[in-house]
Amino acid sequence: MSNEAGLVASMQALGVDPQRLIEQEHLGDAQGLMNWLGAFTDIHLNVKEVVEAIRHSPYLPRIPVHGFVIDITTGRLTLVDRDPTE
């Protein structure tokens, strides 16, 4: 069974109609699916949001936190967010 067929079978076993889900959640295109899954389209914005969440977490120590994006082809790091305390 392919991944697609397995997913559909699992959904149907749980009583979920895949076509109805696609229509109700506007999943008919890649952007709709990405939004529904919580995927991000701007990696730099995502890094900034995650860095802010880490900086303001009550469960983590107050240490400088920086945000970088890595180019997976070249390995080059790009600084996206420098901690303002540094």
N, C-alpha and C. Protein backbone atom coordinates (compact mmCIF):
# COMPACT_ATOMS: atom_id res chain seq x y z
N MET A 1 0.85 -1.18 0.00
CA MET A 1 0.00 0.00 0.00
C MET A 1 0.89 1.24 0.00
N SER A 2 0.63 2.17 -0.91
CA SER A 2 1.42 3.40 -0.96
C SER A 2 1.12 4.28 0.24
N ASN A 3 1.96 5.25 0.48
CA ASN A 3 1.74 6.17 1.60
C ASN A 3 0.40 6.88 1.46
N GLU A 4 0.08 7.30 0.24
CA GLU A 4 -1.19 7.98 0.01
C GLU A 4 -2.37 7.07 0.31
N ALA A 5 -2.31 5.86 -0.18
CA ALA A 5 -3.39 4.90 0.04
C ALA A 5 -3.50 4.55 1.52
N GLY A 6 -2.37 4.43 2.18
CA GLY A 6 -2.37 4.13 3.62
C GLY A 6 -2.98 5.27 4.42
N LEU A 7 -2.66 6.49 4.03
CA LEU A 7 -3.22 7.66 4.72
C LEU A 7 -4.73 7.71 4.55
N VAL A 8 -5.18 7.51 3.33
CA VAL A 8 -6.62 7.54 3.05
C VAL A 8 -7.32 6.42 3.83
N ALA A 9 -6.75 5.22 3.82
CA ALA A 9 -7.35 4.10 4.55
C ALA A 9 -7.41 4.39 6.04
N SER A 10 -6.36 4.97 6.59
CA SER A 10 -6.34 5.31 8.03
C SER A 10 -7.39 6.35 8.35
N MET A 11 -7.51 7.36 7.49
CA MET A 11 -8.51 8.41 7.71
C MET A 11 -9.91 7.81 7.68
N GLN A 12 -10.16 6.96 6.68
CA GLN A 12 -11.48 6.36 6.55
C GLN A 12 -11.79 5.45 7.74
N ALA A 13 -10.78 4.75 8.25
CA ALA A 13 -10.98 3.88 9.42
C ALA A 13 -11.38 4.70 10.64
N LEU A 14 -10.94 5.95 10.67
CA LEU A 14 -11.28 6.85 11.79
C LEU A 14 -12.56 7.63 11.52
N GLY A 15 -13.19 7.36 10.38
CA GLY A 15 -14.45 8.04 10.06
C GLY A 15 -14.26 9.41 9.42
N VAL A 16 -13.07 9.69 8.91
CA VAL A 16 -12.79 10.97 8.27
C VAL A 16 -12.90 10.79 6.76
N ASP A 17 -13.67 11.65 6.13
CA ASP A 17 -13.80 11.64 4.68
C ASP A 17 -12.72 12.55 4.11
N PRO A 18 -11.70 11.99 3.46
CA PRO A 18 -10.59 12.81 2.96
C PRO A 18 -11.04 13.95 2.04
N GLN A 19 -11.97 13.68 1.15
CA GLN A 19 -12.42 14.72 0.22
C GLN A 19 -13.12 15.85 0.98
N ARG A 20 -13.91 15.52 1.96
CA ARG A 20 -14.60 16.55 2.76
C ARG A 20 -13.58 17.39 3.53
N LEU A 21 -12.56 16.74 4.08
CA LEU A 21 -11.51 17.46 4.80
C LEU A 21 -10.81 18.46 3.88
N ILE A 22 -10.48 18.00 2.67
CA ILE A 22 -9.83 18.87 1.69
C ILE A 22 -10.69 20.09 1.39
N GLU A 23 -11.98 19.88 1.20
CA GLU A 23 -12.88 20.98 0.87
C GLU A 23 -13.08 21.92 2.05
N GLN A 24 -13.34 21.39 3.24
CA GLN A 24 -13.62 22.22 4.41
C GLN A 24 -12.41 23.03 4.87
N GLU A 25 -11.22 22.45 4.75
CA GLU A 25 -10.02 23.11 5.25
C GLU A 25 -9.23 23.80 4.14
N HIS A 26 -9.80 23.85 2.94
CA HIS A 26 -9.17 24.52 1.80
C HIS A 26 -7.77 23.97 1.53
N LEU A 27 -7.69 22.66 1.42
CA LEU A 27 -6.41 21.98 1.22
C LEU A 27 -6.16 21.61 -0.24
N GLY A 28 -6.89 22.22 -1.15
CA GLY A 28 -6.79 21.85 -2.55
C GLY A 28 -5.51 22.25 -3.24
N ASP A 29 -4.69 23.10 -2.60
CA ASP A 29 -3.42 23.46 -3.22
C ASP A 29 -2.31 23.38 -2.17
N ALA A 30 -1.10 23.52 -2.62
CA ALA A 30 0.06 23.36 -1.72
C ALA A 30 0.04 24.40 -0.60
N GLN A 31 -0.34 25.64 -0.91
CA GLN A 31 -0.34 26.68 0.12
C GLN A 31 -1.38 26.38 1.20
N GLY A 32 -2.54 25.90 0.80
CA GLY A 32 -3.56 25.54 1.77
C GLY A 32 -3.09 24.43 2.69
N LEU A 33 -2.44 23.44 2.12
CA LEU A 33 -1.91 22.33 2.91
C LEU A 33 -0.82 22.82 3.86
N MET A 34 0.06 23.67 3.37
CA MET A 34 1.13 24.19 4.24
C MET A 34 0.56 24.99 5.40
N ASN A 35 -0.45 25.81 5.13
CA ASN A 35 -1.08 26.59 6.20
C ASN A 35 -1.73 25.66 7.23
N TRP A 36 -2.41 24.64 6.75
CA TRP A 36 -3.10 23.70 7.64
C TRP A 36 -2.12 22.94 8.51
N LEU A 37 -0.98 22.58 7.93
CA LEU A 37 0.04 21.84 8.68
C LEU A 37 0.86 22.74 9.60
N GLY A 38 0.71 24.05 9.43
CA GLY A 38 1.49 24.97 10.24
C GLY A 38 2.88 25.19 9.69
N ALA A 39 3.07 24.85 8.43
CA ALA A 39 4.37 25.05 7.80
C ALA A 39 4.60 26.54 7.56
N PHE A 40 5.83 26.91 7.50
CA PHE A 40 6.16 28.31 7.28
C PHE A 40 6.66 28.52 5.87
N THR A 41 6.46 29.72 5.37
CA THR A 41 6.92 30.03 4.03
C THR A 41 8.13 30.95 4.06
N ASP A 42 8.36 31.63 5.18
CA ASP A 42 9.50 32.53 5.30
C ASP A 42 10.40 32.02 6.42
N ILE A 43 11.50 31.38 6.06
CA ILE A 43 12.38 30.77 7.05
C ILE A 43 12.96 31.81 8.00
N HIS A 44 13.26 33.01 7.52
CA HIS A 44 13.83 34.04 8.37
C HIS A 44 12.82 34.50 9.43
N LEU A 45 11.58 34.67 9.02
CA LEU A 45 10.53 35.04 9.97
C LEU A 45 10.32 33.94 10.99
N ASN A 46 10.34 32.69 10.54
CA ASN A 46 10.18 31.56 11.45
C ASN A 46 11.29 31.54 12.49
N VAL A 47 12.53 31.75 12.07
CA VAL A 47 13.66 31.77 13.01
C VAL A 47 13.47 32.87 14.04
N LYS A 48 13.06 34.06 13.60
CA LYS A 48 12.85 35.17 14.54
C LYS A 48 11.76 34.82 15.56
N GLU A 49 10.67 34.20 15.11
CA GLU A 49 9.59 33.83 16.02
C GLU A 49 10.04 32.80 17.04
N VAL A 50 10.81 31.81 16.59
CA VAL A 50 11.29 30.77 17.50
C VAL A 50 12.28 31.35 18.51
N VAL A 51 13.17 32.23 18.04
CA VAL A 51 14.14 32.87 18.93
C VAL A 51 13.41 33.67 20.00
N GLU A 52 12.40 34.41 19.63
CA GLU A 52 11.63 35.19 20.61
C GLU A 52 10.94 34.28 21.62
N ALA A 53 10.40 33.16 21.15
CA ALA A 53 9.76 32.21 22.06
C ALA A 53 10.76 31.66 23.06
N ILE A 54 11.97 31.35 22.59
CA ILE A 54 13.00 30.83 23.49
C ILE A 54 13.41 31.90 24.49
N ARG A 55 13.61 33.11 24.02
CA ARG A 55 14.03 34.21 24.90
C ARG A 55 13.02 34.49 26.01
N HIS A 56 11.76 34.31 25.71
CA HIS A 56 10.72 34.65 26.68
C HIS A 56 10.14 33.45 27.42
N SER A 57 10.73 32.30 27.22
CA SER A 57 10.23 31.10 27.90
C SER A 57 10.55 31.17 29.40
N PRO A 58 9.56 30.92 30.23
CA PRO A 58 9.81 30.92 31.68
C PRO A 58 10.58 29.68 32.13
N TYR A 59 10.77 28.73 31.24
CA TYR A 59 11.40 27.46 31.60
C TYR A 59 12.89 27.40 31.23
N LEU A 60 13.37 28.41 30.55
CA LEU A 60 14.75 28.41 30.11
C LEU A 60 15.53 29.52 30.80
N PRO A 61 16.83 29.30 31.02
CA PRO A 61 17.64 30.34 31.66
C PRO A 61 17.79 31.56 30.75
N ARG A 62 18.07 32.69 31.34
CA ARG A 62 18.26 33.92 30.58
C ARG A 62 19.70 33.97 30.08
N ILE A 63 19.90 33.48 28.88
CA ILE A 63 21.20 33.52 28.24
C ILE A 63 21.02 34.13 26.86
N PRO A 64 22.08 34.67 26.28
CA PRO A 64 21.94 35.22 24.92
C PRO A 64 21.51 34.13 23.92
N VAL A 65 20.54 34.47 23.11
CA VAL A 65 20.04 33.55 22.09
C VAL A 65 20.10 34.27 20.74
N HIS A 66 20.74 33.62 19.79
CA HIS A 66 20.86 34.16 18.44
C HIS A 66 20.14 33.22 17.49
N GLY A 67 19.68 33.74 16.36
CA GLY A 67 19.02 32.92 15.36
C GLY A 67 19.79 32.92 14.05
N PHE A 68 20.02 31.74 13.52
CA PHE A 68 20.73 31.58 12.25
C PHE A 68 19.92 30.72 11.29
N VAL A 69 20.18 30.92 10.01
CA VAL A 69 19.67 30.05 8.96
C VAL A 69 20.88 29.43 8.29
N ILE A 70 20.83 28.13 8.06
CA ILE A 70 21.93 27.45 7.39
C ILE A 70 21.52 27.09 5.97
N ASP A 71 22.41 27.37 5.04
CA ASP A 71 22.21 26.96 3.66
C ASP A 71 22.66 25.50 3.58
N ILE A 72 21.73 24.59 3.32
CA ILE A 72 22.07 23.17 3.37
C ILE A 72 22.96 22.73 2.22
N THR A 73 23.09 23.56 1.20
CA THR A 73 23.97 23.23 0.09
C THR A 73 25.42 23.62 0.38
N THR A 74 25.59 24.86 0.90
CA THR A 74 26.94 25.38 1.11
C THR A 74 27.41 25.28 2.55
N GLY A 75 26.46 25.14 3.49
CA GLY A 75 26.82 25.14 4.91
C GLY A 75 26.97 26.53 5.48
N ARG A 76 26.74 27.54 4.68
CA ARG A 76 26.88 28.93 5.12
C ARG A 76 25.79 29.29 6.13
N LEU A 77 26.21 29.91 7.23
CA LEU A 77 25.27 30.40 8.24
C LEU A 77 24.99 31.87 8.00
N THR A 78 23.71 32.24 8.09
CA THR A 78 23.31 33.64 7.98
C THR A 78 22.65 34.04 9.29
N LEU A 79 23.19 35.08 9.91
CA LEU A 79 22.62 35.59 11.15
C LEU A 79 21.30 36.29 10.84
N VAL A 80 20.25 35.85 11.50
CA VAL A 80 18.91 36.42 11.27
C VAL A 80 18.52 37.31 12.46
N ASP A 81 18.92 36.91 13.66
CA ASP A 81 18.51 37.64 14.86
C ASP A 81 19.62 37.56 15.90
N ARG A 82 20.25 38.70 16.18
CA ARG A 82 21.31 38.77 17.19
C ARG A 82 20.67 39.18 18.51
N ASP A 83 21.05 38.52 19.57
CA ASP A 83 20.52 38.85 20.88
C ASP A 83 20.86 40.30 21.21
N PRO A 84 19.88 41.12 21.60
CA PRO A 84 20.13 42.53 21.86
C PRO A 84 20.98 42.78 23.12
N THR A 85 21.14 41.78 23.96
CA THR A 85 21.95 41.98 25.17
C THR A 85 23.44 41.84 24.90
N GLU A 86 23.78 41.46 23.69
CA GLU A 86 25.20 41.28 23.35
C GLU A 86 25.70 42.42 22.52
